[in-house]
Amino acid sequence: MLPSMSRPANPYDNATCESFLRTLKREEICASTYRDFEDLEKRVEEFIERYYNQIRLHSALGYCSPEKFEKECQAESAKGPAAAAIAFFGA
């Protein structure tokens, strides 16, 4: 990760990163005990690679995991835009 600064008067530039760090702290770091720095480093890497990227559902991805989104959800959007449909209730 590289640190970055928001543009002046725009606090939303780093919202995605802030959200990820909040999740990392809440779901891994504060919920676990570590023997040493190497243990922390190993477990954080495992959290990101095995849980956050493969299993955890992300609202920004339509409640898909990043792995599933890349494989399946993007394949849907690659087919092209869906045709518009109108449904009438009670018809």
PDB file of N, CA and C in Angstrom:
ATOM      1  N   MET A   1       0.825  -1.174   0.000  1.00  0.00           N
ATOM      2  CA  MET A   1       0.000   0.000   0.000  1.00  0.00           C
ATOM      3  C   MET A   1       0.873   1.242   0.000  1.00  0.00           C
ATOM      4  N   LEU A   2       0.418   2.235  -0.704  1.00  0.00           N
ATOM      5  CA  LEU A   2       1.106   3.512  -0.723  1.00  0.00           C
ATOM      6  C   LEU A   2       0.224   4.552  -0.059  1.00  0.00           C
ATOM      7  N   PRO A   3       0.780   5.352   0.834  1.00  0.00           N
ATOM      8  CA  PRO A   3      -0.045   6.407   1.433  1.00  0.00           C
ATOM      9  C   PRO A   3      -0.392   7.460   0.388  1.00  0.00           C
ATOM     10  N   SER A   4      -1.555   8.037   0.535  1.00  0.00           N
ATOM     11  CA  SER A   4      -1.951   9.110  -0.366  1.00  0.00           C
ATOM     12  C   SER A   4      -2.693  10.163   0.429  1.00  0.00           C
ATOM     13  N   MET A   5      -2.755  11.332  -0.120  1.00  0.00           N
ATOM     14  CA  MET A   5      -3.451  12.434   0.531  1.00  0.00           C
ATOM     15  C   MET A   5      -4.636  12.823  -0.335  1.00  0.00           C
ATOM     16  N   SER A   6      -5.704  13.181   0.309  1.00  0.00           N
ATOM     17  CA  SER A   6      -6.886  13.642  -0.399  1.00  0.00           C
ATOM     18  C   SER A   6      -6.632  15.022  -0.982  1.00  0.00           C
ATOM     19  N   ARG A   7      -7.371  15.340  -2.019  1.00  0.00           N
ATOM     20  CA  ARG A   7      -7.296  16.692  -2.571  1.00  0.00           C
ATOM     21  C   ARG A   7      -7.856  17.672  -1.549  1.00  0.00           C
ATOM     22  N   PRO A   8      -7.419  18.891  -1.561  1.00  0.00           N
ATOM     23  CA  PRO A   8      -7.948  19.883  -0.611  1.00  0.00           C
ATOM     24  C   PRO A   8      -9.472  19.979  -0.697  1.00  0.00           C
ATOM     25  N   ALA A   9     -10.108  19.970   0.457  1.00  0.00           N
ATOM     26  CA  ALA A   9     -11.561  20.105   0.590  1.00  0.00           C
ATOM     27  C   ALA A   9     -12.343  18.930   0.007  1.00  0.00           C
ATOM     28  N   ASN A  10     -11.702  17.792  -0.220  1.00  0.00           N
ATOM     29  CA  ASN A  10     -12.393  16.608  -0.728  1.00  0.00           C
ATOM     30  C   ASN A  10     -12.049  15.409   0.157  1.00  0.00           C
ATOM     31  N   PRO A  11     -12.841  15.129   1.185  1.00  0.00           N
ATOM     32  CA  PRO A  11     -12.513  14.054   2.113  1.00  0.00           C
ATOM     33  C   PRO A  11     -12.867  12.662   1.608  1.00  0.00           C
ATOM     34  N   TYR A  12     -13.379  12.532   0.382  1.00  0.00           N
ATOM     35  CA  TYR A  12     -13.879  11.240  -0.081  1.00  0.00           C
ATOM     36  C   TYR A  12     -12.899  10.462  -0.955  1.00  0.00           C
ATOM     37  N   ASP A  13     -11.754  11.015  -1.273  1.00  0.00           N
ATOM     38  CA  ASP A  13     -10.819  10.338  -2.161  1.00  0.00           C
ATOM     39  C   ASP A  13     -10.374   8.974  -1.629  1.00  0.00           C
ATOM     40  N   ASN A  14     -10.181   8.860  -0.338  1.00  0.00           N
ATOM     41  CA  ASN A  14      -9.657   7.618   0.223  1.00  0.00           C
ATOM     42  C   ASN A  14     -10.725   6.764   0.895  1.00  0.00           C
ATOM     43  N   ALA A  15     -11.979   6.958   0.545  1.00  0.00           N
ATOM     44  CA  ALA A  15     -13.069   6.236   1.204  1.00  0.00           C
ATOM     45  C   ALA A  15     -12.948   4.726   1.051  1.00  0.00           C
ATOM     46  N   THR A  16     -12.555   4.251  -0.117  1.00  0.00           N
ATOM     47  CA  THR A  16     -12.429   2.816  -0.348  1.00  0.00           C
ATOM     48  C   THR A  16     -11.344   2.224   0.532  1.00  0.00           C
ATOM     49  N   CYS A  17     -10.207   2.875   0.585  1.00  0.00           N
ATOM     50  CA  CYS A  17      -9.103   2.400   1.417  1.00  0.00           C
ATOM     51  C   CYS A  17      -9.479   2.462   2.895  1.00  0.00           C
ATOM     52  N   GLU A  18     -10.134   3.530   3.307  1.00  0.00           N
ATOM     53  CA  GLU A  18     -10.562   3.657   4.702  1.00  0.00           C
ATOM     54  C   GLU A  18     -11.535   2.545   5.063  1.00  0.00           C
ATOM     55  N   SER A  19     -12.424   2.213   4.159  1.00  0.00           N
ATOM     56  CA  SER A  19     -13.387   1.132   4.395  1.00  0.00           C
ATOM     57  C   SER A  19     -12.672  -0.202   4.555  1.00  0.00           C
ATOM     58  N   PHE A  20     -11.706  -0.468   3.677  1.00  0.00           N
ATOM     59  CA  PHE A  20     -10.934  -1.710   3.771  1.00  0.00           C
ATOM     60  C   PHE A  20     -10.180  -1.786   5.104  1.00  0.00           C
ATOM     61  N   LEU A  21      -9.515  -0.693   5.488  1.00  0.00           N
ATOM     62  CA  LEU A  21      -8.754  -0.698   6.742  1.00  0.00           C
ATOM     63  C   LEU A  21      -9.670  -0.887   7.951  1.00  0.00           C
ATOM     64  N   ARG A  22     -10.859  -0.299   7.919  1.00  0.00           N
ATOM     65  CA  ARG A  22     -11.817  -0.509   9.003  1.00  0.00           C
ATOM     66  C   ARG A  22     -12.202  -1.984   9.093  1.00  0.00           C
ATOM     67  N   THR A  23     -12.469  -2.608   7.951  1.00  0.00           N
ATOM     68  CA  THR A  23     -12.814  -4.027   7.926  1.00  0.00           C
ATOM     69  C   THR A  23     -11.655  -4.881   8.435  1.00  0.00           C
ATOM     70  N   LEU A  24     -10.455  -4.599   7.976  1.00  0.00           N
ATOM     71  CA  LEU A  24      -9.272  -5.338   8.409  1.00  0.00           C
ATOM     72  C   LEU A  24      -9.105  -5.244   9.920  1.00  0.00           C
ATOM     73  N   LYS A  25      -9.214  -4.051  10.455  1.00  0.00           N
ATOM     74  CA  LYS A  25      -9.059  -3.871  11.907  1.00  0.00           C
ATOM     75  C   LYS A  25     -10.157  -4.585  12.675  1.00  0.00           C
ATOM     76  N   ARG A  26     -11.408  -4.423  12.246  1.00  0.00           N
ATOM     77  CA  ARG A  26     -12.534  -4.978  12.987  1.00  0.00           C
ATOM     78  C   ARG A  26     -12.604  -6.501  12.882  1.00  0.00           C
ATOM     79  N   GLU A  27     -12.413  -7.045  11.689  1.00  0.00           N
ATOM     80  CA  GLU A  27     -12.631  -8.467  11.476  1.00  0.00           C
ATOM     81  C   GLU A  27     -11.399  -9.329  11.670  1.00  0.00           C
ATOM     82  N   GLU A  28     -10.215  -8.737  11.700  1.00  0.00           N
ATOM     83  CA  GLU A  28      -9.004  -9.546  11.888  1.00  0.00           C
ATOM     84  C   GLU A  28      -8.164  -9.041  13.047  1.00  0.00           C
ATOM     85  N   ILE A  29      -7.655  -7.846  12.985  1.00  0.00           N
ATOM     86  CA  ILE A  29      -6.669  -7.383  13.958  1.00  0.00           C
ATOM     87  C   ILE A  29      -7.230  -7.309  15.370  1.00  0.00           C
ATOM     88  N   CYS A  30      -8.377  -6.662  15.557  1.00  0.00           N
ATOM     89  CA  CYS A  30      -8.950  -6.528  16.906  1.00  0.00           C
ATOM     90  C   CYS A  30      -9.576  -7.825  17.403  1.00  0.00           C
ATOM     91  N   ALA A  31      -9.869  -8.751  16.511  1.00  0.00           N
ATOM     92  CA  ALA A  31     -10.510 -10.010  16.889  1.00  0.00           C
ATOM     93  C   ALA A  31      -9.510 -11.134  17.138  1.00  0.00           C
ATOM     94  N   SER A  32      -8.215 -10.861  17.021  1.00  0.00           N
ATOM     95  CA  SER A  32      -7.200 -11.907  17.136  1.00  0.00           C
ATOM     96  C   SER A  32      -6.076 -11.489  18.076  1.00  0.00           C
ATOM     97  N   THR A  33      -5.321 -12.481  18.503  1.00  0.00           N
ATOM     98  CA  THR A  33      -4.119 -12.259  19.298  1.00  0.00           C
ATOM     99  C   THR A  33      -2.943 -12.818  18.496  1.00  0.00           C
ATOM    100  N   TYR A  34      -1.833 -12.104  18.514  1.00  0.00           N
ATOM    101  CA  TYR A  34      -0.674 -12.497  17.716  1.00  0.00           C
ATOM    102  C   TYR A  34       0.534 -12.733  18.614  1.00  0.00           C
ATOM    103  N   ARG A  35       1.349 -13.719  18.241  1.00  0.00           N
ATOM    104  CA  ARG A  35       2.564 -14.025  19.002  1.00  0.00           C
ATOM    105  C   ARG A  35       3.619 -12.949  18.818  1.00  0.00           C
ATOM    106  N   ASP A  36       3.787 -12.513  17.568  1.00  0.00           N
ATOM    107  CA  ASP A  36       4.811 -11.525  17.237  1.00  0.00           C
ATOM    108  C   ASP A  36       4.448 -10.859  15.911  1.00  0.00           C
ATOM    109  N   PHE A  37       5.314  -9.980  15.442  1.00  0.00           N
ATOM    110  CA  PHE A  37       5.037  -9.250  14.214  1.00  0.00           C
ATOM    111  C   PHE A  37       4.927 -10.181  13.007  1.00  0.00           C
ATOM    112  N   GLU A  38       5.751 -11.224  12.979  1.00  0.00           N
ATOM    113  CA  GLU A  38       5.711 -12.166  11.858  1.00  0.00           C
ATOM    114  C   GLU A  38       4.371 -12.894  11.812  1.00  0.00           C
ATOM    115  N   ASP A  39       3.839 -13.248  12.983  1.00  0.00           N
ATOM    116  CA  ASP A  39       2.532 -13.900  13.057  1.00  0.00           C
ATOM    117  C   ASP A  39       1.447 -12.951  12.551  1.00  0.00           C
ATOM    118  N   LEU A  40       1.511 -11.703  12.965  1.00  0.00           N
ATOM    119  CA  LEU A  40       0.557 -10.692  12.493  1.00  0.00           C
ATOM    120  C   LEU A  40       0.622 -10.564  10.981  1.00  0.00           C
ATOM    121  N   GLU A  41       1.817 -10.441  10.452  1.00  0.00           N
ATOM    122  CA  GLU A  41       2.003 -10.282   9.012  1.00  0.00           C
ATOM    123  C   GLU A  41       1.425 -11.475   8.251  1.00  0.00           C
ATOM    124  N   LYS A  42       1.689 -12.671   8.728  1.00  0.00           N
ATOM    125  CA  LYS A  42       1.195 -13.896   8.088  1.00  0.00           C
ATOM    126  C   LYS A  42      -0.329 -13.953   8.125  1.00  0.00           C
ATOM    127  N   ARG A  43      -0.917 -13.649   9.272  1.00  0.00           N
ATOM    128  CA  ARG A  43      -2.368 -13.733   9.423  1.00  0.00           C
ATOM    129  C   ARG A  43      -3.094 -12.639   8.638  1.00  0.00           C
ATOM    130  N   VAL A  44      -2.513 -11.451   8.538  1.00  0.00           N
ATOM    131  CA  VAL A  44      -3.132 -10.388   7.740  1.00  0.00           C
ATOM    132  C   VAL A  44      -3.104 -10.775   6.261  1.00  0.00           C
ATOM    133  N   GLU A  45      -2.003 -11.309   5.809  1.00  0.00           N
ATOM    134  CA  GLU A  45      -1.914 -11.764   4.419  1.00  0.00           C
ATOM    135  C   GLU A  45      -2.945 -12.856   4.148  1.00  0.00           C
ATOM    136  N   GLU A  46      -3.077 -13.790   5.076  1.00  0.00           N
ATOM    137  CA  GLU A  46      -4.059 -14.865   4.931  1.00  0.00           C
ATOM    138  C   GLU A  46      -5.484 -14.301   4.931  1.00  0.00           C
ATOM    139  N   PHE A  47      -5.753 -13.346   5.800  1.00  0.00           N
ATOM    140  CA  PHE A  47      -7.076 -12.716   5.852  1.00  0.00           C
ATOM    141  C   PHE A  47      -7.420 -12.089   4.498  1.00  0.00           C
ATOM    142  N   ILE A  48      -6.489 -11.360   3.931  1.00  0.00           N
ATOM    143  CA  ILE A  48      -6.741 -10.673   2.659  1.00  0.00           C
ATOM    144  C   ILE A  48      -6.917 -11.678   1.525  1.00  0.00           C
ATOM    145  N   GLU A  49      -5.986 -12.611   1.409  1.00  0.00           N
ATOM    146  CA  GLU A  49      -6.000 -13.535   0.271  1.00  0.00           C
ATOM    147  C   GLU A  49      -7.080 -14.613   0.361  1.00  0.00           C
ATOM    148  N   ARG A  50      -7.294 -15.173   1.543  1.00  0.00           N
ATOM    149  CA  ARG A  50      -8.221 -16.306   1.657  1.00  0.00           C
ATOM    150  C   ARG A  50      -9.630 -15.919   2.064  1.00  0.00           C
ATOM    151  N   TYR A  51      -9.798 -14.800   2.749  1.00  0.00           N
ATOM    152  CA  TYR A  51     -11.132 -14.410   3.191  1.00  0.00           C
ATOM    153  C   TYR A  51     -11.641 -13.185   2.440  1.00  0.00           C
ATOM    154  N   TYR A  52     -10.940 -12.076   2.540  1.00  0.00           N
ATOM    155  CA  TYR A  52     -11.424 -10.809   1.987  1.00  0.00           C
ATOM    156  C   TYR A  52     -11.598 -10.885   0.470  1.00  0.00           C
ATOM    157  N   ASN A  53     -10.664 -11.470  -0.240  1.00  0.00           N
ATOM    158  CA  ASN A  53     -10.729 -11.517  -1.701  1.00  0.00           C
ATOM    159  C   ASN A  53     -11.533 -12.688  -2.245  1.00  0.00           C
ATOM    160  N   GLN A  54     -11.685 -13.767  -1.473  1.00  0.00           N
ATOM    161  CA  GLN A  54     -12.332 -14.963  -2.012  1.00  0.00           C
ATOM    162  C   GLN A  54     -13.721 -15.220  -1.464  1.00  0.00           C
ATOM    163  N   ILE A  55     -13.979 -14.877  -0.207  1.00  0.00           N
ATOM    164  CA  ILE A  55     -15.220 -15.273   0.432  1.00  0.00           C
ATOM    165  C   ILE A  55     -16.114 -14.096   0.800  1.00  0.00           C
ATOM    166  N   ARG A  56     -15.530 -13.062   1.391  1.00  0.00           N
ATOM    167  CA  ARG A  56     -16.317 -11.962   1.953  1.00  0.00           C
ATOM    168  C   ARG A  56     -17.115 -11.243   0.868  1.00  0.00           C
ATOM    169  N   LEU A  57     -18.410 -11.013   1.145  1.00  0.00           N
ATOM    170  CA  LEU A  57     -19.275 -10.328   0.203  1.00  0.00           C
ATOM    171  C   LEU A  57     -19.060  -8.816   0.301  1.00  0.00           C
ATOM    172  N   HIS A  58     -19.052  -8.144  -0.831  1.00  0.00           N
ATOM    173  CA  HIS A  58     -18.813  -6.702  -0.893  1.00  0.00           C
ATOM    174  C   HIS A  58     -20.039  -6.019  -1.495  1.00  0.00           C
ATOM    175  N   SER A  59     -20.595  -5.067  -0.770  1.00  0.00           N
ATOM    176  CA  SER A  59     -21.792  -4.381  -1.258  1.00  0.00           C
ATOM    177  C   SER A  59     -21.521  -3.635  -2.562  1.00  0.00           C
ATOM    178  N   ALA A  60     -20.338  -3.085  -2.720  1.00  0.00           N
ATOM    179  CA  ALA A  60     -20.007  -2.347  -3.943  1.00  0.00           C
ATOM    180  C   ALA A  60     -19.933  -3.259  -5.170  1.00  0.00           C
ATOM    181  N   LEU A  61     -19.852  -4.566  -4.950  1.00  0.00           N
ATOM    182  CA  LEU A  61     -19.780  -5.533  -6.055  1.00  0.00           C
ATOM    183  C   LEU A  61     -21.081  -6.309  -6.194  1.00  0.00           C
ATOM    184  N   GLY A  62     -22.168  -5.727  -5.727  1.00  0.00           N
ATOM    185  CA  GLY A  62     -23.454  -6.413  -5.819  1.00  0.00           C
ATOM    186  C   GLY A  62     -23.524  -7.619  -4.903  1.00  0.00           C
ATOM    187  N   TYR A  63     -22.883  -7.538  -3.766  1.00  0.00           N
ATOM    188  CA  TYR A  63     -22.818  -8.607  -2.765  1.00  0.00           C
ATOM    189  C   TYR A  63     -22.227  -9.898  -3.320  1.00  0.00           C
ATOM    190  N   CYS A  64     -21.210  -9.723  -4.154  1.00  0.00           N
ATOM    191  CA  CYS A  64     -20.382 -10.842  -4.620  1.00  0.00           C
ATOM    192  C   CYS A  64     -19.035 -10.720  -3.927  1.00  0.00           C
ATOM    193  N   SER A  65     -18.328 -11.829  -3.812  1.00  0.00           N
ATOM    194  CA  SER A  65     -16.937 -11.740  -3.376  1.00  0.00           C
ATOM    195  C   SER A  65     -16.139 -11.211  -4.562  1.00  0.00           C
ATOM    196  N   PRO A  66     -14.975 -10.598  -4.321  1.00  0.00           N
ATOM    197  CA  PRO A  66     -14.182 -10.121  -5.463  1.00  0.00           C
ATOM    198  C   PRO A  66     -13.856 -11.231  -6.462  1.00  0.00           C
ATOM    199  N   GLU A  67     -13.564 -12.425  -5.955  1.00  0.00           N
ATOM    200  CA  GLU A  67     -13.229 -13.536  -6.847  1.00  0.00           C
ATOM    201  C   GLU A  67     -14.438 -13.918  -7.706  1.00  0.00           C
ATOM    202  N   LYS A  68     -15.597 -14.055  -7.073  1.00  0.00           N
ATOM    203  CA  LYS A  68     -16.810 -14.406  -7.819  1.00  0.00           C
ATOM    204  C   LYS A  68     -17.182 -13.287  -8.793  1.00  0.00           C
ATOM    205  N   PHE A  69     -17.029 -12.048  -8.363  1.00  0.00           N
ATOM    206  CA  PHE A  69     -17.338 -10.909  -9.228  1.00  0.00           C
ATOM    207  C   PHE A  69     -16.508 -10.952 -10.497  1.00  0.00           C
ATOM    208  N   GLU A  70     -15.206 -11.208 -10.364  1.00  0.00           N
ATOM    209  CA  GLU A  70     -14.331 -11.251 -11.535  1.00  0.00           C
ATOM    210  C   GLU A  70     -14.702 -12.390 -12.470  1.00  0.00           C
ATOM    211  N   LYS A  71     -15.092 -13.530 -11.907  1.00  0.00           N
ATOM    212  CA  LYS A  71     -15.393 -14.696 -12.734  1.00  0.00           C
ATOM    213  C   LYS A  71     -16.792 -14.665 -13.332  1.00  0.00           C
ATOM    214  N   GLU A  72     -17.791 -14.325 -12.507  1.00  0.00           N
ATOM    215  CA  GLU A  72     -19.178 -14.471 -12.946  1.00  0.00           C
ATOM    216  C   GLU A  72     -19.879 -13.152 -13.236  1.00  0.00           C
ATOM    217  N   CYS A  73     -19.814 -12.226 -12.304  1.00  0.00           N
ATOM    218  CA  CYS A  73     -20.592 -10.992 -12.453  1.00  0.00           C
ATOM    219  C   CYS A  73     -20.086 -10.148 -13.605  1.00  0.00           C
ATOM    220  N   GLN A  74     -18.790 -10.089 -13.803  1.00  0.00           N
ATOM    221  CA  GLN A  74     -18.259  -9.328 -14.931  1.00  0.00           C
ATOM    222  C   GLN A  74     -18.569 -10.025 -16.244  1.00  0.00           C
ATOM    223  N   ALA A  75     -18.684 -11.336 -16.226  1.00  0.00           N
ATOM    224  CA  ALA A  75     -19.037 -12.074 -17.439  1.00  0.00           C
ATOM    225  C   ALA A  75     -20.438 -11.672 -17.889  1.00  0.00           C
ATOM    226  N   GLU A  76     -21.329 -11.434 -16.925  1.00  0.00           N
ATOM    227  CA  GLU A  76     -22.683 -10.983 -17.251  1.00  0.00           C
ATOM    228  C   GLU A  76     -22.643  -9.629 -17.949  1.00  0.00           C
ATOM    229  N   SER A  77     -21.852  -8.695 -17.414  1.00  0.00           N
ATOM    230  CA  SER A  77     -21.795  -7.363 -18.006  1.00  0.00           C
ATOM    231  C   SER A  77     -21.049  -7.374 -19.340  1.00  0.00           C
ATOM    232  N   ALA A  78     -20.194  -8.367 -19.564  1.00  0.00           N
ATOM    233  CA  ALA A  78     -19.465  -8.467 -20.831  1.00  0.00           C
ATOM    234  C   ALA A  78     -20.382  -8.888 -21.971  1.00  0.00           C
ATOM    235  N   LYS A  79     -21.526  -9.482 -21.635  1.00  0.00           N
ATOM    236  CA  LYS A  79     -22.476  -9.904 -22.666  1.00  0.00           C
ATOM    237  C   LYS A  79     -23.150  -8.715 -23.334  1.00  0.00           C
ATOM    238  N   GLY A  80     -23.015  -7.570 -22.711  1.00  0.00           N
ATOM    239  CA  GLY A  80     -23.638  -6.371 -23.257  1.00  0.00           C
ATOM    240  C   GLY A  80     -24.815  -5.954 -22.410  1.00  0.00           C
ATOM    241  N   PRO A  81     -25.335  -4.784 -22.681  1.00  0.00           N
ATOM    242  CA  PRO A  81     -26.444  -4.292 -21.868  1.00  0.00           C
ATOM    243  C   PRO A  81     -27.692  -5.145 -22.064  1.00  0.00           C
ATOM    244  N   ALA A  82     -28.388  -5.356 -20.974  1.00  0.00           N
ATOM    245  CA  ALA A  82     -29.621  -6.136 -21.039  1.00  0.00           C
ATOM    246  C   ALA A  82     -30.712  -5.276 -21.673  1.00  0.00           C
ATOM    247  N   ALA A  83     -31.619  -5.934 -22.352  1.00  0.00           N
ATOM    248  CA  ALA A  83     -32.730  -5.217 -22.955  1.00  0.00           C
ATOM    249  C   ALA A  83     -33.673  -4.739 -21.868  1.00  0.00           C
ATOM    250  N   ALA A  84     -34.293  -3.617 -22.104  1.00  0.00           N
ATOM    251  CA  ALA A  84     -35.237  -3.080 -21.141  1.00  0.00           C
ATOM    252  C   ALA A  84     -36.484  -3.947 -21.117  1.00  0.00           C
ATOM    253  N   ALA A  85     -37.035  -4.114 -19.942  1.00  0.00           N
ATOM    254  CA  ALA A  85     -38.250  -4.932 -19.806  1.00  0.00           C
ATOM    255  C   ALA A  85     -39.231  -4.180 -18.928  1.00  0.00           C
ATOM    256  N   ILE A  86     -40.507  -4.313 -19.270  1.00  0.00           N
ATOM    257  CA  ILE A  86     -41.553  -3.689 -18.470  1.00  0.00           C
ATOM    258  C   ILE A  86     -42.462  -4.802 -17.968  1.00  0.00           C
ATOM    259  N   ALA A  87     -42.759  -4.775 -16.678  1.00  0.00           N
ATOM    260  CA  ALA A  87     -43.663  -5.753 -16.102  1.00  0.00           C
ATOM    261  C   ALA A  87     -44.823  -5.021 -15.472  1.00  0.00           C
ATOM    262  N   PHE A  88     -46.021  -5.495 -15.743  1.00  0.00           N
ATOM    263  CA  PHE A  88     -47.214  -4.892 -15.152  1.00  0.00           C
ATOM    264  C   PHE A  88     -47.764  -5.835 -14.110  1.00  0.00           C
ATOM    265  N   PHE A  89     -48.003  -5.306 -12.949  1.00  0.00           N
ATOM    266  CA  PHE A  89     -48.561  -6.120 -11.874  1.00  0.00           C
ATOM    267  C   PHE A  89     -50.041  -6.313 -12.093  1.00  0.00           C
ATOM    268  N   GLY A  90     -50.503  -7.531 -11.851  1.00  0.00           N
ATOM    269  CA  GLY A  90     -51.920  -7.845 -11.993  1.00  0.00           C
ATOM    270  C   GLY A  90     -52.367  -8.032 -13.423  1.00  0.00           C
ATOM    271  N   ALA A  91     -51.433  -8.098 -14.349  1.00  0.00           N
ATOM    272  CA  ALA A  91     -51.811  -8.263 -15.740  1.00  0.00           C
ATOM    273  C   ALA A  91     -51.710  -9.701 -16.149  1.00  0.00           C
TER     274      ALA A  91
END
